């Protein structure tokens, strides 16, 4: 007789748990607004670009010298080939020309090695610039002011999410880069709207504007005409 009772109790428990996980009973889902941002170390980009600008003229001059040396070697090889090696009277001249050829070829090899080193350096600097422009960087924290909400980071990220204050028309942030004393502030103004779709409360922020910053430059890129935060992102240069 106990088995039917246990079965009924089990069905009641399962039914209760299932009811709890329906959105109608548990309340609407709320989605907090945000805006994505990438942080670009423009000072480092400028430094690498300066290095490249210094090396490129050196590479250009080396190419001119190498091309000229190639032509000299080719002419010398043709001259040596035109001399009769069997004639004893030509042996001294041939020895001198071959010695000169060895010297030119050695100089060419050294210049080509130098050119390769410069070219590798330019490529390495260019790769670093590409990485920096992708925004992959580790932040120590993003702090939302004046709420004091702080987000800390253990790893490098390409994109960082800035939480926007739905209870005010502006959001202020203080951002510190990891392993450095670089820090900057940013203030964003916007319009707010709240709407309900089925079981979701949608908090929208739109008409975004950058009203204050001490970063080197902040570029706002809107993904739609009304500049909704979820479709927009910031390029922050420091």
Protein backbone atom coordinates (compact mmCIF):
# COMPACT_ATOMS: atom_id res chain seq x y z
CA UNK A 1 0.00 0.00 0.00
CA UNK A 2 2.94 2.35 0.53
CA UNK A 3 4.15 2.28 -3.08
CA UNK A 4 1.16 4.23 -4.54
CA UNK A 5 1.58 6.89 -1.80
CA UNK A 6 5.29 7.26 -2.57
CA UNK A 7 4.51 7.49 -6.27
CA UNK A 8 1.94 10.25 -5.69
CA UNK A 9 4.36 12.21 -3.47
CA UNK A 10 7.13 11.91 -6.09
CA UNK A 11 4.82 13.20 -8.80
CA UNK A 12 3.80 16.14 -6.60
CA UNK A 13 7.43 17.06 -5.91
CA UNK A 14 8.36 16.89 -9.60
CA UNK A 15 5.31 18.94 -10.51
CA UNK A 16 6.18 21.58 -7.90
CA UNK A 17 9.79 21.83 -9.06
CA UNK A 18 8.73 22.11 -12.68
CA UNK A 19 6.30 24.87 -11.81
CA UNK A 20 9.03 26.79 -10.01
CA UNK A 21 11.16 26.87 -13.11
CA UNK A 22 8.49 28.43 -15.31
CA UNK A 23 9.12 32.11 -15.98
CA UNK A 24 5.54 33.04 -15.10
CA UNK A 25 6.09 31.96 -11.52
CA UNK A 26 9.75 32.89 -11.09
CA UNK A 27 9.40 36.45 -12.42
CA UNK A 28 10.54 38.16 -15.58
CA UNK A 29 14.12 37.93 -16.76
CA UNK A 30 16.04 41.21 -16.61
CA UNK A 31 18.84 42.01 -19.01
CA UNK A 32 21.27 44.70 -17.93
CA UNK A 33 22.61 47.07 -20.60
CA UNK A 34 26.26 47.30 -21.57
CA UNK A 35 28.59 48.58 -24.25
CA UNK A 36 31.58 46.72 -25.64
CA UNK A 37 34.98 48.39 -25.74
CA UNK A 38 38.43 47.63 -27.04
CA UNK A 39 41.50 49.28 -25.51
CA UNK A 40 44.37 50.11 -27.86
CA UNK A 41 47.81 51.06 -26.60
CA UNK A 42 48.43 53.80 -29.15
CA UNK A 43 51.67 54.92 -27.46
CA UNK A 44 53.16 51.49 -28.14
CA UNK A 45 51.75 51.51 -31.69
CA UNK A 46 53.44 54.87 -32.29
CA UNK A 47 56.72 53.53 -30.92
CA UNK A 48 56.68 50.49 -33.21
CA UNK A 49 55.71 52.64 -36.20
CA UNK A 50 58.64 54.94 -35.47
CA UNK A 51 60.98 51.94 -35.42
CA UNK A 52 59.57 50.79 -38.77
CA UNK A 53 59.95 54.27 -40.25
CA UNK A 54 63.60 54.26 -39.17
CA UNK A 55 64.34 50.82 -40.63
CA UNK A 56 62.53 51.14 -43.95
CA UNK A 57 65.00 53.67 -45.47
CA UNK A 58 67.86 51.40 -44.37
CA UNK A 59 66.17 48.50 -46.13
CA UNK A 60 65.67 50.58 -49.27
CA UNK A 61 69.35 51.63 -49.34
CA UNK A 62 70.47 48.06 -48.77
CA UNK A 63 68.38 46.89 -51.71
CA UNK A 64 70.09 49.44 -53.95
CA UNK A 65 73.54 48.32 -52.80
CA UNK A 66 72.68 44.62 -53.15
CA UNK A 67 71.30 45.11 -56.66
CA UNK A 68 74.43 47.02 -57.69
CA UNK A 69 76.66 44.36 -56.15
CA UNK A 70 74.73 41.61 -57.94
CA UNK A 71 75.37 43.40 -61.23
CA UNK A 72 79.10 43.77 -60.46
CA UNK A 73 79.39 40.08 -59.62
CA UNK A 74 77.59 39.10 -62.82
CA UNK A 75 79.92 41.28 -64.93
CA UNK A 76 82.98 39.90 -63.14
CA UNK A 77 81.86 36.30 -63.72
CA UNK A 78 81.40 37.05 -67.40
CA UNK A 79 84.84 38.68 -67.56
CA UNK A 80 86.49 35.66 -65.91
CA UNK A 81 84.69 33.31 -68.29
CA UNK A 82 86.02 35.24 -71.26
CA UNK A 83 89.68 34.72 -70.26
CA UNK A 84 91.57 31.69 -71.49
CA UNK A 85 92.42 29.65 -68.39
CA UNK A 86 94.92 27.52 -70.29
CA UNK A 87 97.14 30.48 -71.15
CA UNK A 88 99.94 30.78 -68.55
CA UNK A 89 100.08 34.53 -69.12
CA UNK A 90 96.53 34.88 -67.77
CA UNK A 91 97.02 33.08 -64.47
CA UNK A 92 97.94 36.15 -62.42
CA UNK A 93 95.01 38.15 -63.76
CA UNK A 94 92.63 35.25 -63.19
CA UNK A 95 93.85 34.81 -59.62
CA UNK A 96 93.29 38.51 -58.93
CA UNK A 97 89.81 38.45 -60.49
CA UNK A 98 88.80 35.34 -58.57
CA UNK A 99 90.00 36.89 -55.33
CA UNK A 100 87.95 39.99 -56.11
CA UNK A 101 84.93 37.76 -56.91
CA UNK A 102 85.26 35.98 -53.55
CA UNK A 103 85.37 39.35 -51.77
CA UNK A 104 82.29 40.65 -53.61
CA UNK A 105 80.33 37.46 -52.93
CA UNK A 106 81.29 37.62 -49.25
CA UNK A 107 80.16 41.26 -49.09
CA UNK A 108 76.91 40.30 -50.80
CA UNK A 109 76.25 37.50 -48.30
CA UNK A 110 76.85 39.88 -45.37
CA UNK A 111 74.54 42.50 -46.85
CA UNK A 112 71.81 39.92 -47.51
CA UNK A 113 72.09 38.73 -43.92
CA UNK A 114 71.82 42.32 -42.68
CA UNK A 115 68.82 42.86 -44.94
CA UNK A 116 67.13 39.74 -43.57
CA UNK A 117 67.61 40.94 -39.99
CA UNK A 118 66.11 44.34 -40.79
CA UNK A 119 63.22 42.77 -42.68
CA UNK A 120 62.52 40.38 -39.78
CA UNK A 121 62.52 43.32 -37.35
CA UNK A 122 60.05 45.25 -39.49
CA UNK A 123 57.78 42.20 -39.69
CA UNK A 124 57.98 41.67 -35.92
CA UNK A 125 57.08 45.32 -35.26
CA UNK A 126 54.21 45.09 -37.75
CA UNK A 127 52.88 41.96 -36.03
CA UNK A 128 52.99 43.74 -32.67
CA UNK A 129 51.06 46.65 -34.14
CA UNK A 130 48.42 44.25 -35.49
CA UNK A 131 48.06 42.63 -32.05
CA UNK A 132 47.77 46.01 -30.32
CA UNK A 133 45.18 47.26 -32.81
CA UNK A 134 43.07 44.16 -32.17
CA UNK A 135 42.78 45.42 -28.60
CA UNK A 136 44.05 42.30 -26.86
CA UNK A 137 45.17 43.57 -23.49
CA UNK A 138 44.85 42.77 -19.82
CA UNK A 139 43.14 45.31 -17.60
CA UNK A 140 43.56 45.39 -13.86
CA UNK A 141 40.00 46.61 -13.36
CA UNK A 142 37.05 48.56 -14.72
CA UNK A 143 35.35 50.57 -11.99
CA UNK A 144 31.87 52.03 -12.46
CA UNK A 145 31.63 55.40 -10.68
CA UNK A 146 30.18 56.51 -8.34
CA UNK A 147 28.64 53.10 -7.62
CA UNK A 148 32.01 51.57 -6.89
CA UNK A 149 31.20 48.45 -8.90
CA UNK A 150 34.58 46.99 -9.87
CA UNK A 151 35.30 44.29 -12.42
CA UNK A 152 38.77 42.71 -12.21
CA UNK A 153 40.54 40.66 -14.86
CA UNK A 154 42.95 37.73 -14.63
CA UNK A 155 43.63 37.34 -18.35
CA UNK A 156 43.94 39.37 -21.53
CA UNK A 157 40.79 39.94 -23.58
CA UNK A 158 40.06 41.35 -27.02
CA UNK A 159 36.77 42.97 -25.99
CA UNK A 160 35.74 44.33 -22.59
CA UNK A 161 32.16 44.94 -21.50
CA UNK A 162 31.31 48.19 -19.71
CA UNK A 163 28.16 47.91 -17.55
CA UNK A 164 25.88 50.93 -18.03
CA UNK A 165 23.91 52.49 -15.18
CA UNK A 166 20.20 52.14 -15.92
CA UNK A 167 19.32 54.43 -12.98
CA UNK A 168 21.06 57.49 -14.40
CA UNK A 169 21.55 59.29 -17.71
CA UNK A 170 25.32 58.94 -17.53
CA UNK A 171 27.84 56.24 -16.66
CA UNK A 172 31.33 57.04 -15.41
CA UNK A 173 34.23 54.62 -15.49
CA UNK A 174 37.73 54.45 -14.14
CA UNK A 175 39.98 51.96 -15.94
CA UNK A 176 43.45 50.77 -14.98
CA UNK A 177 45.73 48.73 -17.20
CA UNK A 178 47.38 45.67 -15.66
CA UNK A 179 51.07 45.81 -14.71
CA UNK A 180 51.32 49.56 -15.32
CA UNK A 181 50.32 52.88 -13.83
CA UNK A 182 48.21 53.80 -16.88
CA UNK A 183 44.73 54.80 -15.80
CA UNK A 184 41.92 56.71 -17.46
CA UNK A 185 38.39 57.98 -16.91
CA UNK A 186 35.44 57.95 -19.25
CA UNK A 187 31.94 59.46 -19.00
CA UNK A 188 29.14 58.32 -21.31
CA UNK A 189 25.73 60.03 -21.67
CA UNK A 190 22.65 58.37 -23.14
CA UNK A 191 18.88 57.98 -23.25
CA UNK A 192 17.08 55.17 -21.38
CA UNK A 193 14.00 53.08 -22.06
CA UNK A 194 12.45 49.99 -20.44
CA UNK A 195 10.13 47.60 -22.24
CA UNK A 196 8.73 44.11 -21.65
CA UNK A 197 8.75 41.33 -24.23
CA UNK A 198 6.99 38.16 -23.09
CA UNK A 199 8.97 37.14 -19.99
CA UNK A 200 11.91 39.51 -20.51
CA UNK A 201 12.35 43.01 -19.18
CA UNK A 202 14.44 44.83 -21.74
CA UNK A 203 16.49 47.81 -20.56
CA UNK A 204 17.63 49.77 -23.57
CA UNK A 205 20.23 52.49 -23.73
CA UNK A 206 20.52 54.51 -26.92
CA UNK A 207 21.59 57.88 -28.31
CA UNK A 208 25.03 57.40 -26.75
CA UNK A 209 27.55 60.23 -26.51
CA UNK A 210 31.04 60.56 -25.05
CA UNK A 211 30.97 63.68 -22.90
CA UNK A 212 34.29 63.47 -21.04
CA UNK A 213 37.50 61.44 -20.99
CA UNK A 214 41.17 61.78 -20.21
CA UNK A 215 42.12 58.89 -22.46
CA UNK A 216 44.16 59.84 -25.49
CA UNK A 217 41.13 59.31 -27.76
CA UNK A 218 37.76 57.56 -27.60
CA UNK A 219 35.97 56.65 -30.83
CA UNK A 220 32.28 55.69 -30.63
CA UNK A 221 31.07 53.42 -33.43
CA UNK A 222 27.29 52.99 -33.63
CA UNK A 223 25.80 49.89 -35.19
CA UNK A 224 22.42 51.47 -35.94
CA UNK A 225 20.78 54.86 -36.49
CA UNK A 226 19.71 55.25 -32.86
CA UNK A 227 23.04 54.06 -31.48
CA UNK A 228 21.74 51.34 -29.16
CA UNK A 229 24.42 50.24 -26.71
CA UNK A 230 24.23 46.54 -27.57
CA UNK A 231 25.06 47.30 -31.21
CA UNK A 232 27.71 49.93 -30.50
CA UNK A 233 31.30 49.69 -29.35
CA UNK A 234 34.08 51.96 -28.21
CA UNK A 235 37.67 52.17 -29.42
CA UNK A 236 39.63 53.57 -26.49
CA UNK A 237 43.18 54.73 -27.21
CA UNK A 238 45.72 55.37 -24.46
